[in-house]
């Protein structure tokens, strides 16, 4: 890979950890993630009129992906309720490649190469070191984090099938983002009855900025995919778990324990091996 591709992948990793920091630092995190979704909705909305409608067979995947991403947002909010960024984020990100790899092995009979076997072991060890011992997050936060990773793996699988049904990745992505914003707002109203967004309040602009960072992170990854191989790029992006620990320490006042750093490095190394 070129230096430009490596730089883009690492930049995407930093941005991904950053928008999670925006969410973790919010007072009302469900409100924060809902307002964050407005940024992606506003960005995606014009593309509904630019691209042709997706094929009829793609709509079930579009609706399912949007619904799963709402579940992902709600569970992530719950995970951050009693867990720090440097604890929860690595568990979520490590669970995704672990489940995808093991799912391929169990469901479709894919054979694991030595790199993947080593990756599974490292990710499992890294996650276990984060969920056990002194200073770990609450059991509920850990369970929500694991469930969040499972939901991410599920909607990633749905997207991989749905985008092929659409035949146009741009149209598929735009519809998923718009429906995700609508569904998440509906979920918030169902839970809280009322959504108040004051555009004069600093928290509103902070949440919108977090949504913008999330959108830029997605765009940077797409740009990297256009220039280099997907596997190594995806693996490099998983170094975001290390950046999450550093961001949590620098900006959120979280503990920078050697044990936590080592666990995150192990998770990142395992994710990189799973991406080979």
Protein backbone atom coordinates (compact mmCIF):
# COMPACT_ATOMS: atom_id res chain seq x y z
CA UNK A 1 0.00 0.00 0.00
CA UNK A 2 1.10 3.55 -0.66
CA UNK A 3 1.78 6.06 2.10
CA UNK A 4 -1.37 7.95 1.06
CA UNK A 5 -3.59 4.88 1.55
CA UNK A 6 -2.01 4.09 4.93
CA UNK A 7 -2.48 7.71 5.97
CA UNK A 8 -6.14 7.70 4.95
CA UNK A 9 -6.81 4.45 6.82
CA UNK A 10 -5.17 5.75 10.00
CA UNK A 11 -6.97 9.09 9.68
CA UNK A 12 -10.28 7.21 9.39
CA UNK A 13 -9.36 5.25 12.53
CA UNK A 14 -8.75 8.49 14.46
CA UNK A 15 -12.02 10.01 13.21
CA UNK A 16 -14.02 6.90 14.11
CA UNK A 17 -12.67 6.91 17.65
CA UNK A 18 -13.30 10.67 17.82
CA UNK A 19 -17.02 10.52 17.02
CA UNK A 20 -17.41 7.83 19.67
CA UNK A 21 -15.72 10.25 22.08
CA UNK A 22 -18.33 12.88 21.11
CA UNK A 23 -21.04 10.36 22.01
CA UNK A 24 -19.37 9.18 25.24
CA UNK A 25 -18.93 12.76 26.47
CA UNK A 26 -22.57 13.71 25.87
CA UNK A 27 -24.88 14.19 28.84
CA UNK A 28 -27.97 12.61 27.24
CA UNK A 29 -26.34 10.13 24.88
CA UNK A 30 -29.54 8.93 23.21
CA UNK A 31 -30.36 12.54 22.35
CA UNK A 32 -26.75 13.07 21.20
CA UNK A 33 -26.69 10.09 18.82
CA UNK A 34 -30.12 11.08 17.45
CA UNK A 35 -28.97 14.61 16.67
CA UNK A 36 -25.72 13.19 15.25
CA UNK A 37 -27.81 11.21 12.77
CA UNK A 38 -29.24 14.47 11.40
CA UNK A 39 -25.88 15.29 9.81
CA UNK A 40 -25.80 12.06 7.77
CA UNK A 41 -29.49 12.42 6.87
CA UNK A 42 -29.05 15.96 5.54
CA UNK A 43 -25.97 14.88 3.61
CA UNK A 44 -27.64 11.81 2.08
CA UNK A 45 -31.05 13.33 1.29
CA UNK A 46 -30.10 15.05 -2.04
CA UNK A 47 -28.71 11.78 -3.38
CA UNK A 48 -32.18 10.21 -3.24
CA UNK A 49 -33.07 12.46 -6.18
CA UNK A 50 -29.78 11.94 -8.03
CA UNK A 51 -29.63 8.15 -8.08
CA UNK A 52 -32.34 5.92 -9.56
CA UNK A 53 -34.50 3.94 -7.16
CA UNK A 54 -32.90 0.71 -5.89
CA UNK A 55 -34.08 -2.57 -7.37
CA UNK A 56 -37.16 -4.07 -5.74
CA UNK A 57 -35.15 -6.92 -4.20
CA UNK A 58 -32.93 -4.47 -2.32
CA UNK A 59 -35.61 -2.77 -0.23
CA UNK A 60 -35.84 -5.49 2.41
CA UNK A 61 -32.08 -5.15 2.97
CA UNK A 62 -32.27 -1.34 3.06
CA UNK A 63 -34.99 -1.35 5.72
CA UNK A 64 -33.29 -4.14 7.69
CA UNK A 65 -29.91 -2.36 7.63
CA UNK A 66 -31.46 0.93 8.80
CA UNK A 67 -33.34 -0.85 11.60
CA UNK A 68 -30.21 -2.74 12.72
CA UNK A 69 -28.23 0.51 12.80
CA UNK A 70 -30.87 2.01 15.09
CA UNK A 71 -30.37 -0.99 17.36
CA UNK A 72 -26.62 -0.45 17.14
CA UNK A 73 -27.00 3.18 18.23
CA UNK A 74 -29.32 2.37 21.13
CA UNK A 75 -27.13 -0.46 22.42
CA UNK A 76 -23.96 1.63 22.07
CA UNK A 77 -25.58 4.39 24.14
CA UNK A 78 -26.47 1.80 26.79
CA UNK A 79 -22.92 0.41 26.77
CA UNK A 80 -21.43 3.86 27.40
CA UNK A 81 -23.77 4.47 30.33
CA UNK A 82 -21.43 2.82 32.85
CA UNK A 83 -18.33 2.11 30.75
CA UNK A 84 -15.49 4.32 29.59
CA UNK A 85 -14.52 4.92 25.96
CA UNK A 86 -11.22 3.08 26.44
CA UNK A 87 -13.08 0.02 27.73
CA UNK A 88 -16.25 -0.20 25.65
CA UNK A 89 -14.96 0.88 22.24
CA UNK A 90 -12.27 -1.86 21.96
CA UNK A 91 -14.80 -4.52 22.98
CA UNK A 92 -17.26 -3.35 20.32
CA UNK A 93 -14.67 -3.07 17.55
CA UNK A 94 -12.96 -6.35 18.47
CA UNK A 95 -16.22 -8.27 18.54
CA UNK A 96 -17.06 -7.41 14.92
CA UNK A 97 -14.19 -9.15 13.03
CA UNK A 98 -14.25 -11.95 15.58
CA UNK A 99 -17.93 -12.72 14.93
CA UNK A 100 -17.64 -12.26 11.16
CA UNK A 101 -14.72 -14.71 11.01
CA UNK A 102 -16.28 -17.27 13.33
CA UNK A 103 -19.63 -16.89 11.55
CA UNK A 104 -18.02 -17.70 8.22
CA UNK A 105 -16.35 -20.72 9.78
CA UNK A 106 -19.51 -22.09 11.44
CA UNK A 107 -22.22 -21.14 8.92
CA UNK A 108 -20.53 -21.39 5.54
CA UNK A 109 -17.68 -23.74 6.40
CA UNK A 110 -14.90 -21.28 5.53
CA UNK A 111 -11.49 -22.60 6.53
CA UNK A 112 -9.42 -20.42 8.83
CA UNK A 113 -5.85 -19.73 7.79
CA UNK A 114 -3.08 -19.43 10.42
CA UNK A 115 -3.36 -15.61 10.44
CA UNK A 116 -7.09 -15.79 11.19
CA UNK A 117 -6.62 -18.38 13.92
CA UNK A 118 -4.01 -16.16 15.57
CA UNK A 119 -6.32 -13.16 15.10
CA UNK A 120 -9.25 -14.93 16.78
CA UNK A 121 -7.05 -15.86 19.75
CA UNK A 122 -5.59 -12.36 20.12
CA UNK A 123 -8.95 -10.58 19.87
CA UNK A 124 -10.51 -13.00 22.35
CA UNK A 125 -7.61 -12.55 24.80
CA UNK A 126 -7.71 -8.76 24.41
CA UNK A 127 -11.46 -8.58 25.02
CA UNK A 128 -11.25 -10.93 27.99
CA UNK A 129 -8.54 -8.78 29.58
CA UNK A 130 -10.83 -5.76 29.24
CA UNK A 131 -13.91 -7.44 30.73
CA UNK A 132 -12.19 -9.19 33.63
CA UNK A 133 -10.15 -7.98 36.56
CA UNK A 134 -9.80 -4.70 38.43
CA UNK A 135 -11.22 -1.54 36.88
CA UNK A 136 -13.47 -3.30 34.36
CA UNK A 137 -16.77 -1.83 33.22
CA UNK A 138 -20.07 -2.98 34.70
CA UNK A 139 -21.47 -6.30 33.53
CA UNK A 140 -24.42 -4.56 31.84
CA UNK A 141 -22.10 -2.26 29.85
CA UNK A 142 -19.96 -5.21 28.77
CA UNK A 143 -23.01 -7.17 27.62
CA UNK A 144 -24.36 -4.16 25.74
CA UNK A 145 -20.92 -3.68 24.11
CA UNK A 146 -20.82 -7.32 22.98
CA UNK A 147 -24.37 -7.03 21.66
CA UNK A 148 -23.43 -3.84 19.82
CA UNK A 149 -20.57 -5.65 18.09
CA UNK A 150 -22.95 -8.44 17.11
CA UNK A 151 -25.41 -5.94 15.61
CA UNK A 152 -22.61 -4.25 13.63
CA UNK A 153 -21.57 -7.63 12.25
CA UNK A 154 -25.22 -8.31 11.34
CA UNK A 155 -25.82 -5.07 9.44
CA UNK A 156 -22.43 -5.38 7.71
CA UNK A 157 -23.56 -8.78 6.42
CA UNK A 158 -26.94 -7.35 5.37
CA UNK A 159 -25.20 -4.48 3.56
CA UNK A 160 -22.83 -6.80 1.71
CA UNK A 161 -25.85 -8.68 0.31
CA UNK A 162 -28.11 -5.68 -0.18
CA UNK A 163 -25.65 -3.56 -2.12
CA UNK A 164 -25.30 -6.37 -4.66
CA UNK A 165 -29.09 -6.52 -4.99
CA UNK A 166 -29.19 -2.76 -5.61
CA UNK A 167 -26.50 -2.66 -8.25
CA UNK A 168 -25.76 0.93 -7.19
CA UNK A 169 -23.89 1.42 -3.90
CA UNK A 170 -24.58 5.17 -3.82
CA UNK A 171 -28.36 4.73 -3.94
CA UNK A 172 -28.25 1.96 -1.36
CA UNK A 173 -26.13 4.00 1.07
CA UNK A 174 -28.25 7.15 0.67
CA UNK A 175 -31.52 5.35 1.39
CA UNK A 176 -30.05 3.51 4.39
CA UNK A 177 -28.73 6.75 5.91
CA UNK A 178 -32.00 8.65 5.41
CA UNK A 179 -34.12 5.81 6.80
CA UNK A 180 -31.69 5.35 9.70
CA UNK A 181 -32.14 9.00 10.67
CA UNK A 182 -35.93 8.72 10.41
CA UNK A 183 -36.09 5.43 12.36
CA UNK A 184 -33.76 6.67 15.11
CA UNK A 185 -35.83 9.82 15.55
CA UNK A 186 -38.97 7.69 15.75
CA UNK A 187 -37.30 5.43 18.33
CA UNK A 188 -36.32 8.47 20.41
CA UNK A 189 -39.89 9.80 20.30
CA UNK A 190 -41.24 6.40 21.28
CA UNK A 191 -38.94 6.28 24.28
CA UNK A 192 -38.98 9.93 25.33
CA UNK A 193 -42.22 11.26 23.73
CA UNK A 194 -40.57 14.55 22.78
CA UNK A 195 -37.41 15.63 20.95
CA UNK A 196 -36.19 19.17 21.61
CA UNK A 197 -33.35 20.52 19.46
CA UNK A 198 -32.21 24.05 20.28
CA UNK A 199 -29.85 25.26 17.56
CA UNK A 200 -28.61 27.99 19.87
CA UNK A 201 -27.36 25.44 22.41
CA UNK A 202 -23.67 24.36 22.35
CA UNK A 203 -24.67 20.71 22.90
CA UNK A 204 -26.64 20.72 19.64
CA UNK A 205 -23.67 21.93 17.61
CA UNK A 206 -21.39 19.51 19.45
CA UNK A 207 -23.66 16.61 18.48
CA UNK A 208 -23.91 17.83 14.87
CA UNK A 209 -20.12 18.13 14.77
CA UNK A 210 -19.88 14.52 15.96
CA UNK A 211 -22.23 13.45 13.18
CA UNK A 212 -20.12 15.35 10.66
CA UNK A 213 -16.95 13.65 11.93
CA UNK A 214 -18.67 10.28 11.54
CA UNK A 215 -19.60 11.13 7.94
CA UNK A 216 -16.06 12.29 7.14
CA UNK A 217 -14.69 9.07 8.65
CA UNK A 218 -16.92 7.08 6.31
CA UNK A 219 -15.85 9.20 3.31
CA UNK A 220 -12.16 8.81 4.14
CA UNK A 221 -12.53 5.02 4.27
CA UNK A 222 -14.31 5.01 0.90
CA UNK A 223 -11.49 7.13 -0.56
CA UNK A 224 -8.92 4.69 0.82
CA UNK A 225 -10.83 1.73 -0.67
CA UNK A 226 -10.66 3.44 -4.06
CA UNK A 227 -6.87 3.60 -3.84
CA UNK A 228 -5.88 0.35 -2.16
CA UNK A 229 -6.88 -3.19 -1.10
CA UNK A 230 -9.90 -3.46 1.19
CA UNK A 231 -8.51 -6.11 3.59
CA UNK A 232 -5.42 -4.27 4.85
CA UNK A 233 -7.31 -0.95 4.92
CA UNK A 234 -10.07 -2.44 7.07
CA UNK A 235 -7.45 -3.96 9.35
CA UNK A 236 -5.57 -0.66 9.74
CA UNK A 237 -8.82 1.08 10.61
CA UNK A 238 -9.15 -1.24 13.61
CA UNK A 239 -6.17 0.57 15.16
CA UNK A 240 -8.92 3.00 16.21
CA UNK A 241 -9.14 1.00 19.45
CA UNK A 242 -5.72 2.33 20.45
CA UNK A 243 -6.68 5.88 19.47
CA UNK A 244 -9.84 5.54 21.57
CA UNK A 245 -7.79 4.85 24.69
CA UNK A 246 -5.58 7.87 24.02
CA UNK A 247 -8.55 10.16 23.29
CA UNK A 248 -10.30 8.96 26.44
CA UNK A 249 -7.17 9.76 28.46
CA UNK A 250 -6.44 13.14 26.86
CA UNK A 251 -9.95 14.58 26.61
CA UNK A 252 -12.28 12.58 28.88
CA UNK A 253 -10.07 12.12 31.93
CA UNK A 254 -10.03 8.32 31.69
CA UNK A 255 -7.34 6.17 33.26
CA UNK A 256 -4.35 5.35 31.05
CA UNK A 257 -3.44 2.03 32.63
CA UNK A 258 -0.70 -0.11 31.09
CA UNK A 259 -3.03 -3.12 31.23
CA UNK A 260 -5.69 -1.32 29.20
CA UNK A 261 -3.19 -0.11 26.59
CA UNK A 262 -1.80 -3.63 26.24
CA UNK A 263 -5.29 -5.09 25.87
CA UNK A 264 -6.16 -2.60 23.12
CA UNK A 265 -2.91 -3.29 21.27
CA UNK A 266 -3.71 -7.03 21.43
CA UNK A 267 -7.24 -6.41 20.08
CA UNK A 268 -5.88 -4.21 17.27
CA UNK A 269 -3.22 -6.79 16.36
CA UNK A 270 -5.83 -9.54 16.27
CA UNK A 271 -8.15 -7.45 14.09
CA UNK A 272 -5.29 -6.74 11.68
CA UNK A 273 -4.53 -10.46 11.40
CA UNK A 274 -8.22 -11.21 10.79
CA UNK A 275 -8.15 -8.71 7.95
CA UNK A 276 -5.34 -10.45 6.14
